[in-house]
Each structure stands twice: as C-alpha cells, then as structure tokens.
Amino acid sequence: MEPIYFDHNATTRVDDAVLEAMLPYFQQEFGNASSRHGYGIAARRAIDKARKQVAEAVGVQPVQVVFTSGGSEANNLFVRGAVDSLKPGNLFISAIEHPCVLKPAQAIARRGCDPWPLQQLAINADGQADIAAAAAAMQTNKPGLVSVMLANNETGVIQDVAAIAELARSHGAYVHTDAIQGLGKIPVDFTALKVHAMTLSAHKIYGPKGAAALIVDKRLLLKPLIYGGGHENGLRSGTENAPAIVGFGVACELAVARLAETAQHVAKLRDRLEAGLTGMGAAIFGGQAARIPNTCYFALPDIEGDTLVVKLDKAGFAVAAGAACSSVNPGQSHVLAAMQIDPMLARCAVRVSLGRDNTLQQVDDFLRATQRIVAELRQINSLSF
C-alpha cells in the first residue's frame, strides 16, 4: 500500500500550480529584486504580485505584508519587535501558544532591563481561552501586548480572537494572532479579528517552506530583528526569496478559492474518523469546541502516543504524536497540560490532520489498522503483567 499522509498541520506537499509558478524564478527569472536592470525588475514585479495575493487572502493592503523566512521568524518579529518599540507593560499570551511565541515571550520576561512581566491567559478543558478570566486578568494587570493564536496546531480549537482583541484594545494594548493553522481551513479576515498583527505561512497551505508573512497594522511600530539593506520597509533586511514568495502568493490565492470545498471535504473525513475512534474508546481533545475542520487530536487509554505513531508509520500512515515543531523537546504537550488533561492520558495523544487529497477509503483503512495495532499492543501489555 502506498503510504498515506495524515499530518497536514505539520506541512503540506507543494501544489502543482504553485510549483509551476515558482520554477521560472530559480533559473530564467533569477534576478535580485533590488537590482535596477530587467532581471531585477521582473523579480520585483513578481514579489509585488505575490504581496497583493497574500494581502487579498486576509483583506488587507499589500503594504501591510512583511515577508519573512517562516512563521517562527514572523512571530518573533512581532513579539520582540513590538516590545523593543513600546514602553514596558504586561505581555499577555495564551497558555497554548506555539513555542515561537511562548519562548521569546519568556525570554523577554526574564531579561533584566525593561522587563515585560509575562501573563498567561487561562485555557478551559475544551482548549479555549477563558474570556471572563482574561477580562479579570487584564483588569488587574494592564496589558501592553497580547498574542493569541487563531487555531491551535495540536487540537485545532479555534479561539475567539476578536473578543480577546476587544478586551485588550480597551486597555490600549496591541494585539497579534498567529493565524498559520487557520488560513485555508476557515475564513481569516484581519479586520474582523480586530488585531494589529497576524502571522501566516506558506507551507501549511500547499505552498513552499521558507516563505511566511507578518501582516502589520500601519499604526504598529516594530523594530526589525534583521538589519541590513532595509528590505520589506526596513523590517526584514535580506535578499527576498523570490521563488518561495511567488509560490506563497499563488498558494494563498488557491487556498481562498478552494476554502469552502476543502473545508467541507475534510470535515466529512474527520467525522468518519472520529466516529470510528470513539467506537474504540478514544478521547477527542477539544472535541466539544469549534475547531478547524481537518484536525483530530485523540488518545486511546493505555496506548502510548509515540508507540502508536511508530506502529502506524510502519503500517503506512503518517500521523503525529504532537506538534512537529516541538519534536526536539519530547514530553507532555503544554497544550494538554493547559487543558488540565490527566498526564497519563496526555501521553497517549496522537494527532491526525487531514488534507484535501485524503479520501474516505484512506480513513477507513486507517481505522482498521489502528484497531489491529491497538489490539496487538493491549495483548502485549496484558501478557507483561
């Protein structure tokens, strides 16, 4: 059987149309976009077109799009760049943020000069930020900067970013959302979310790795992380990765055009998947909350997640035991810890994230393989006692 890929929250294959658009910029149109000759002008026009495509995907002006090398850089640019431009205040993030928001926030809170005390917004058992608790926390500790992700990369749970942004704005704070997992799966509108900054990434929407963007409100001042030739309106110096940026633009255009169809398709697959898993006794993390339609984060009691992932891989199914970007730091998911999931059950967590090319037959095959593997593992466990 050909291997089945069920790990689309980690990354996606580059779409054929995206690759086709990128190819000329590796060889024929290889110019540096800062050069003033024909090669450079062609590259600049291609980047300008991509900037417009990315902007249109989230309802902003092209000038608000700052291209970066990835989502981690974009998130760091917001957190560190905003902190270095503003007077010290309280830095609020949700307890389930991606490490590329959490770790720079922790580093800033620890620094000796101009510290920004770190406040973590509480998460309920369904994986959602507690709005009432957030309001109380912001009343006690006035926020200066707030970052809350739109959709969690592990559970898929969608946060009420607009409500949190309203609270933060009432205290004069600037607000950011990491919308990487939302784009292409749910509608993403910068203005409707009421934020000042937003992070997007190409490789989660069938685009290339190495291209992402920070969408910035014109009123938000940032200090750059990378100084040099003043590229990207002075916020991100360095010769632009024209092929990847071109691919990002096309991927955004396709993601918006295919949104309704893709969401309906993967939701149908996930419903079939979760019906089968719950029939085996699985717990679905965040299953009672609004989620992006492609994500199922589950646990089968007494079946360790890492073990199940390895066994499924050998059976031809690529899934994850958690967040791919955190695989270098094994241990309990900080997301499940924030949801107060029992640590023994959290060790059993496995994430399936579906894509537009997956099929109902693949889901059914996965369920049969999982049932067989779980039965084998439970038999081994019973024999060991």
Protein backbone atom coordinates (compact mmCIF):
# COMPACT_ATOMS: atom_id res chain seq x y z
CA MET A 1 0.00 0.00 0.00
CA GLU A 2 1.24 3.49 -0.84
CA PRO A 3 1.95 5.50 2.35
CA ILE A 4 -0.90 7.74 3.47
CA TYR A 5 -0.11 11.24 4.70
CA PHE A 6 -2.27 12.40 7.63
CA ASP A 7 0.00 15.15 9.02
CA HIS A 8 -1.08 18.29 7.15
CA ASN A 9 -0.79 20.57 10.21
CA ALA A 10 2.95 19.86 10.13
CA THR A 11 3.39 20.65 6.44
CA THR A 12 1.80 20.06 3.04
CA ARG A 13 3.01 18.99 -0.38
CA VAL A 14 3.56 21.85 -2.80
CA ASP A 15 0.59 22.18 -5.15
CA ASP A 16 1.36 21.57 -8.84
CA ALA A 17 0.18 25.08 -9.78
CA VAL A 18 2.37 26.58 -7.05
CA LEU A 19 5.44 24.69 -8.23
CA GLU A 20 4.79 25.68 -11.83
CA ALA A 21 4.63 29.34 -10.85
CA MET A 22 7.86 29.08 -8.84
CA LEU A 23 10.08 27.28 -11.35
CA PRO A 24 10.98 30.24 -13.63
CA TYR A 25 12.36 32.17 -10.66
CA PHE A 26 15.05 29.59 -9.99
CA GLN A 27 16.64 29.91 -13.45
CA GLN A 28 15.16 32.12 -16.18
CA GLU A 29 13.94 34.91 -13.85
CA PHE A 30 16.72 34.65 -11.29
CA GLY A 31 17.31 38.35 -10.69
CA ASN A 32 17.73 40.10 -7.36
CA ALA A 33 14.58 42.15 -6.76
CA SER A 34 16.71 45.08 -5.56
CA SER A 35 18.59 45.32 -8.87
CA ARG A 36 17.56 48.03 -11.34
CA HIS A 37 18.04 46.07 -14.56
CA GLY A 38 15.46 43.93 -16.33
CA TYR A 39 16.15 40.79 -14.31
CA GLY A 40 15.69 42.65 -11.05
CA ILE A 41 12.59 44.48 -12.23
CA ALA A 42 10.97 41.17 -13.23
CA ALA A 43 11.68 39.73 -9.78
CA ARG A 44 10.31 42.86 -8.08
CA ARG A 45 7.10 42.68 -10.10
CA ALA A 46 6.67 39.03 -9.18
CA ILE A 47 7.12 39.80 -5.46
CA ASP A 48 4.71 42.73 -5.70
CA LYS A 49 2.11 40.44 -7.27
CA ALA A 50 2.60 37.86 -4.51
CA ARG A 51 2.31 40.56 -1.85
CA LYS A 52 -1.05 41.54 -3.34
CA GLN A 53 -2.21 37.91 -3.40
CA VAL A 54 -1.29 37.39 0.26
CA ALA A 55 -2.93 40.69 1.24
CA GLU A 56 -6.17 39.83 -0.55
CA ALA A 57 -6.35 36.47 1.22
CA VAL A 58 -6.85 38.21 4.60
CA GLY A 59 -8.39 41.51 3.49
CA VAL A 60 -5.51 43.96 3.92
CA GLN A 61 -3.45 46.31 1.77
CA PRO A 62 -0.23 44.97 0.17
CA VAL A 63 1.88 47.49 2.10
CA GLN A 64 0.86 45.70 5.32
CA VAL A 65 2.52 42.43 4.23
CA VAL A 66 6.06 41.84 5.53
CA PHE A 67 7.63 38.72 4.06
CA THR A 68 9.80 36.55 6.34
CA SER A 69 11.56 33.19 6.12
CA GLY A 70 8.92 31.38 8.17
CA GLY A 71 6.21 31.60 10.80
CA SER A 72 8.73 31.41 13.64
CA GLU A 73 10.55 34.47 12.35
CA ALA A 74 7.29 36.37 11.83
CA ASN A 75 6.10 35.60 15.37
CA ASN A 76 9.46 36.64 16.82
CA LEU A 77 9.36 39.82 14.74
CA PHE A 78 6.07 40.77 16.33
CA VAL A 79 6.85 39.83 19.93
CA ARG A 80 10.41 41.12 20.08
CA GLY A 81 9.93 43.93 17.58
CA ALA A 82 6.90 45.36 19.37
CA VAL A 83 8.39 45.02 22.84
CA ASP A 84 11.50 46.90 21.75
CA SER A 85 9.36 49.74 20.35
CA LEU A 86 6.91 50.23 23.22
CA LYS A 87 7.09 51.31 26.83
CA PRO A 88 7.30 48.29 29.17
CA GLY A 89 3.98 46.73 30.15
CA ASN A 90 2.40 43.36 30.71
CA LEU A 91 2.82 40.80 27.94
CA PHE A 92 -0.22 38.52 27.64
CA ILE A 93 -0.21 35.26 25.68
CA SER A 94 -2.47 32.23 25.84
CA ALA A 95 -1.14 29.17 27.63
CA ILE A 96 -1.33 27.15 24.39
CA GLU A 97 0.75 29.34 22.08
CA HIS A 98 3.28 27.81 19.71
CA PRO A 99 6.83 27.81 21.14
CA CYS A 100 7.87 30.54 18.68
CA VAL A 101 5.55 32.89 20.59
CA LEU A 102 5.93 31.35 24.04
CA LYS A 103 9.74 31.22 24.14
CA PRO A 104 10.51 34.79 23.04
CA ALA A 105 7.85 35.98 25.50
CA GLN A 106 9.53 34.02 28.28
CA ALA A 107 12.95 35.37 27.30
CA ILE A 108 11.66 38.96 27.37
CA ALA A 109 10.09 38.42 30.79
CA ARG A 110 13.44 37.19 32.15
CA ARG A 111 15.62 40.00 30.87
CA GLY A 112 16.92 42.47 33.42
CA CYS A 113 16.40 45.76 31.60
CA ASP A 114 12.90 46.97 30.71
CA PRO A 115 11.19 43.70 31.71
CA TRP A 116 7.74 42.84 30.43
CA PRO A 117 6.00 40.66 33.05
CA LEU A 118 4.50 37.62 31.34
CA GLN A 119 0.85 36.80 31.94
CA GLN A 120 -0.68 33.60 30.54
CA LEU A 121 -4.36 33.52 29.67
CA ALA A 122 -6.14 30.53 31.20
CA ILE A 123 -7.49 27.75 28.97
CA ASN A 124 -10.58 25.69 29.75
CA ALA A 125 -10.98 21.93 29.42
CA ASP A 126 -12.15 22.32 25.82
CA GLY A 127 -8.95 24.14 24.83
CA GLN A 128 -10.48 27.61 24.60
CA ALA A 129 -9.23 30.78 26.24
CA ASP A 130 -11.47 31.75 29.15
CA ILE A 131 -12.80 35.20 28.16
CA ALA A 132 -14.12 36.09 31.62
CA ALA A 133 -10.80 35.12 33.20
CA ALA A 134 -8.97 37.13 30.53
CA ALA A 135 -11.07 40.21 31.33
CA ALA A 136 -10.32 39.87 35.04
CA ALA A 137 -6.60 39.33 34.41
CA MET A 138 -6.35 42.39 32.17
CA GLN A 139 -8.20 44.48 34.73
CA THR A 140 -5.63 43.50 37.35
CA ASN A 141 -2.55 43.72 35.11
CA LYS A 142 -2.98 46.23 32.30
CA PRO A 143 -1.80 44.65 29.05
CA GLY A 144 0.65 46.32 26.70
CA LEU A 145 0.93 43.48 24.21
CA VAL A 146 -1.30 40.45 23.60
CA SER A 147 -0.82 37.39 21.37
CA VAL A 148 -3.47 34.67 20.98
CA MET A 149 -3.37 32.11 18.19
CA LEU A 150 -6.40 31.74 15.92
CA ALA A 151 -6.39 27.93 15.77
CA ASN A 152 -4.26 25.60 17.83
CA ASN A 153 -1.83 23.42 15.91
CA GLU A 154 -2.43 20.38 18.14
CA THR A 155 -6.15 20.37 18.98
CA GLY A 156 -7.37 22.54 16.10
CA VAL A 157 -9.51 24.50 18.57
CA ILE A 158 -10.44 27.98 17.33
CA GLN A 159 -10.02 30.91 19.72
CA ASP A 160 -12.34 33.91 19.98
CA VAL A 161 -9.58 36.26 18.94
CA ALA A 162 -11.93 39.17 18.24
CA ALA A 163 -13.36 39.08 21.77
CA ILE A 164 -9.90 38.99 23.32
CA ALA A 165 -8.74 41.76 21.00
CA GLU A 166 -11.66 43.96 22.10
CA LEU A 167 -10.67 43.46 25.73
CA ALA A 168 -7.02 44.21 25.00
CA ARG A 169 -7.80 47.29 22.89
CA SER A 170 -9.96 48.69 25.70
CA HIS A 171 -6.75 48.84 27.73
CA GLY A 172 -4.76 50.36 24.88
CA ALA A 173 -2.84 47.17 24.10
CA TYR A 174 -1.59 45.94 20.74
CA VAL A 175 -2.88 42.52 19.65
CA HIS A 176 -1.41 39.78 17.47
CA THR A 177 -2.71 36.44 16.29
CA ASP A 178 -0.78 33.50 14.88
CA ALA A 179 -3.23 32.52 12.12
CA ILE A 180 -0.97 29.94 10.46
CA GLN A 181 -3.26 26.96 11.11
CA GLY A 182 -6.41 28.90 10.26
CA LEU A 183 -5.54 30.09 6.76
CA GLY A 184 -7.00 27.82 4.10
CA LYS A 185 -9.21 25.98 6.64
CA ILE A 186 -11.52 28.73 7.91
CA PRO A 187 -12.16 32.30 6.72
CA VAL A 188 -9.43 34.64 8.00
CA ASP A 189 -10.13 38.37 7.96
CA PHE A 190 -7.62 40.74 9.55
CA THR A 191 -10.15 43.50 10.22
CA ALA A 192 -12.85 41.20 11.62
CA LEU A 193 -10.36 39.73 14.09
CA LYS A 194 -9.61 43.28 15.35
CA VAL A 195 -5.87 42.62 15.62
CA HIS A 196 -2.84 44.80 14.89
CA ALA A 197 -0.68 41.97 13.54
CA MET A 198 -1.13 38.48 12.11
CA THR A 199 1.21 35.66 11.12
CA LEU A 200 0.73 33.46 8.03
CA SER A 201 2.85 30.71 6.50
CA ALA A 202 3.07 29.18 3.02
CA HIS A 203 3.91 25.58 3.73
CA LYS A 204 0.70 24.91 5.66
CA ILE A 205 -1.41 25.78 2.58
CA TYR A 206 0.31 23.71 -0.13
CA GLY A 207 2.99 26.32 -0.66
CA PRO A 208 6.76 26.11 -0.20
CA LYS A 209 8.76 26.13 3.01
CA GLY A 210 10.81 29.27 3.54
CA ALA A 211 8.08 31.85 2.98
CA ALA A 212 5.77 33.45 5.54
CA ALA A 213 4.43 36.87 6.40
CA LEU A 214 3.67 39.18 9.27
CA ILE A 215 0.62 41.31 8.48
CA VAL A 216 1.02 44.64 10.27
CA ASP A 217 -1.37 47.47 11.07
CA LYS A 218 0.16 50.74 9.89
CA ARG A 219 -0.14 52.16 13.41
CA LEU A 220 2.04 49.45 14.95
CA LEU A 221 5.73 50.34 15.14
CA LEU A 222 8.21 47.46 15.18
CA LYS A 223 11.96 47.23 15.47
CA PRO A 224 13.48 44.79 12.98
CA LEU A 225 15.18 41.57 14.02
CA ILE A 226 17.50 41.65 10.99
CA TYR A 227 19.26 44.85 9.96
CA GLY A 228 20.86 45.37 6.60
CA GLY A 229 19.70 46.76 3.29
CA GLY A 230 16.29 47.84 4.51
CA HIS A 231 14.17 45.31 2.65
CA GLU A 232 10.47 44.86 3.50
CA ASN A 233 10.03 48.51 4.52
CA GLY A 234 13.04 48.21 6.78
CA LEU A 235 11.53 45.43 8.89
CA ARG A 236 13.28 42.42 7.39
CA SER A 237 16.56 43.00 5.59
CA GLY A 238 17.92 40.38 3.22
CA THR A 239 17.52 39.50 -0.43
CA GLU A 240 13.96 38.26 -0.93
CA ASN A 241 13.41 34.58 -1.64
CA ALA A 242 11.56 35.30 -4.89
CA PRO A 243 10.66 31.69 -5.84
CA ALA A 244 9.20 30.94 -2.40
CA ILE A 245 7.38 34.27 -2.21
CA VAL A 246 5.85 33.72 -5.65
CA GLY A 247 4.72 30.28 -4.50
CA PHE A 248 3.28 31.76 -1.31
CA GLY A 249 1.19 34.19 -3.33
CA VAL A 250 -0.25 31.50 -5.58
CA ALA A 251 -0.90 29.22 -2.60
CA CYS A 252 -2.88 31.98 -0.88
CA GLU A 253 -4.97 32.59 -3.98
CA LEU A 254 -5.74 28.89 -4.32
CA ALA A 255 -6.44 28.47 -0.58
CA VAL A 256 -9.13 31.16 -0.67
CA ALA A 257 -10.66 29.86 -3.90
CA ARG A 258 -10.84 26.29 -2.58
CA LEU A 259 -11.74 27.09 1.03
CA ALA A 260 -15.39 26.03 1.11
CA GLU A 261 -14.85 22.85 -0.89
CA THR A 262 -11.79 21.79 1.10
CA ALA A 263 -13.38 22.52 4.47
CA GLN A 264 -16.47 20.50 3.61
CA HIS A 265 -14.39 17.60 2.34
CA VAL A 266 -12.02 17.30 5.30
CA ALA A 267 -14.86 17.80 7.81
CA LYS A 268 -16.63 14.79 6.31
CA LEU A 269 -13.44 12.74 6.63
CA ARG A 270 -12.91 13.84 10.23
CA ASP A 271 -16.47 12.96 11.20
CA ARG A 272 -15.92 9.43 9.87
CA LEU A 273 -12.56 9.22 11.61
CA GLU A 274 -13.83 10.40 14.99
CA ALA A 275 -16.87 8.13 14.87
CA GLY A 276 -14.54 5.17 14.41
CA LEU A 277 -12.11 6.29 17.09
CA THR A 278 -14.77 6.96 19.71
CA GLY A 279 -16.12 3.50 18.96
CA MET A 280 -12.71 2.21 20.08
CA GLY A 281 -12.96 4.22 23.31
CA ALA A 282 -10.81 7.18 22.26
CA ALA A 283 -10.95 10.58 23.92
CA ILE A 284 -11.07 13.51 21.47
CA PHE A 285 -9.27 16.57 22.85
CA GLY A 286 -11.20 19.78 22.19
CA GLY A 287 -13.99 17.76 20.61
CA GLN A 288 -16.72 19.93 22.16
CA ALA A 289 -15.24 23.20 20.88
CA ALA A 290 -15.24 24.86 17.48
CA ARG A 291 -12.26 23.50 15.55
CA ILE A 292 -10.65 23.82 12.17
CA PRO A 293 -12.28 21.04 10.14
CA ASN A 294 -9.25 18.89 9.39
CA THR A 295 -7.84 18.20 12.86
CA CYS A 296 -8.44 15.30 15.25
CA TYR A 297 -6.32 15.06 18.41
CA PHE A 298 -7.18 11.85 20.22
CA ALA A 299 -5.97 9.37 22.81
CA LEU A 300 -6.67 5.70 23.30
CA PRO A 301 -6.21 4.99 27.03
CA ASP A 302 -3.11 2.94 27.92
CA ILE A 303 -1.76 3.13 24.34
CA GLU A 304 1.27 5.44 24.38
CA GLY A 305 1.09 8.01 21.60
CA ASP A 306 4.70 7.67 20.45
CA THR A 307 4.35 3.91 20.19
CA LEU A 308 1.14 4.16 18.20
CA VAL A 309 2.68 6.71 15.83
CA VAL A 310 5.63 4.41 15.10
CA LYS A 311 3.38 1.39 14.58
CA LEU A 312 1.07 3.35 12.28
CA ASP A 313 4.04 4.60 10.29
CA LYS A 314 5.15 1.03 9.71
CA ALA A 315 1.60 0.26 8.60
CA GLY A 316 1.78 3.09 6.07
CA PHE A 317 0.14 6.03 7.88
CA ALA A 318 1.98 9.25 8.71
CA VAL A 319 0.49 10.89 11.82
CA ALA A 320 1.95 12.87 14.74
CA ALA A 321 2.25 12.45 18.48
CA GLY A 322 2.02 16.20 18.92
CA ALA A 323 3.41 19.32 17.28
CA ALA A 324 6.10 18.64 14.67
CA CYS A 325 7.87 21.89 15.52
CA SER A 326 8.26 20.70 19.12
CA SER A 327 9.56 17.21 18.37
CA VAL A 328 13.02 18.11 19.66
CA ASN A 329 11.51 18.57 23.13
CA PRO A 330 9.73 15.30 23.92
CA GLY A 331 7.37 15.20 26.87
CA GLN A 332 3.82 16.08 27.69
CA SER A 333 2.13 18.58 25.42
CA HIS A 334 1.94 22.01 27.05
CA VAL A 335 -1.40 22.40 25.28
CA LEU A 336 -2.89 19.37 27.02
CA ALA A 337 -1.33 20.46 30.31
CA ALA A 338 -3.06 23.85 29.96
CA MET A 339 -6.34 21.97 29.37
CA GLN A 340 -5.64 20.03 32.60
CA ILE A 341 -5.72 16.69 30.83
CA ASP A 342 -4.56 13.82 33.03
CA PRO A 343 -0.83 13.31 32.29
CA MET A 344 -1.28 9.58 31.76
CA LEU A 345 -3.92 10.21 29.10
CA ALA A 346 -1.87 13.03 27.58
CA ARG A 347 0.97 10.56 26.97
CA CYS A 348 -1.41 8.69 24.67
CA ALA A 349 -2.11 11.71 22.42
CA VAL A 350 -1.97 11.32 18.64
CA ARG A 351 -2.83 13.99 16.07
CA VAL A 352 -4.37 13.30 12.67
CA SER A 353 -4.57 16.33 10.37
CA LEU A 354 -6.29 15.70 7.09
CA GLY A 355 -5.77 17.29 3.67
CA ARG A 356 -7.77 17.86 0.54
CA ASP A 357 -6.28 14.82 -1.24
CA ASN A 358 -7.23 12.36 1.51
CA THR A 359 -10.20 10.03 0.97
CA LEU A 360 -12.86 8.18 2.96
CA GLN A 361 -11.22 4.92 1.93
CA GLN A 362 -7.95 6.07 3.50
CA VAL A 363 -9.77 6.95 6.71
CA ASP A 364 -11.43 3.55 6.82
CA ASP A 365 -8.08 1.83 6.19
CA PHE A 366 -6.56 3.91 9.00
CA LEU A 367 -9.29 2.87 11.42
CA ARG A 368 -8.81 -0.81 10.60
CA ALA A 369 -5.04 -0.51 11.04
CA THR A 370 -5.44 1.37 14.32
CA GLN A 371 -7.87 -1.21 15.68
CA ARG A 372 -5.50 -4.04 14.78
CA ILE A 373 -2.44 -2.31 16.26
CA VAL A 374 -4.26 -1.37 19.46
CA ALA A 375 -5.45 -4.96 19.93
CA GLU A 376 -1.87 -6.22 19.50
CA LEU A 377 -0.47 -3.66 21.94
CA ARG A 378 -3.10 -4.42 24.55
CA GLN A 379 -2.40 -8.13 24.24
CA ILE A 380 1.31 -7.47 24.79
CA ASN A 381 0.51 -5.28 27.79
CA SER A 382 -1.73 -7.96 29.31
CA LEU A 383 0.97 -10.61 28.89
CA SER A 384 3.54 -8.41 30.62
CA PHE A 385 1.61 -8.46 33.92
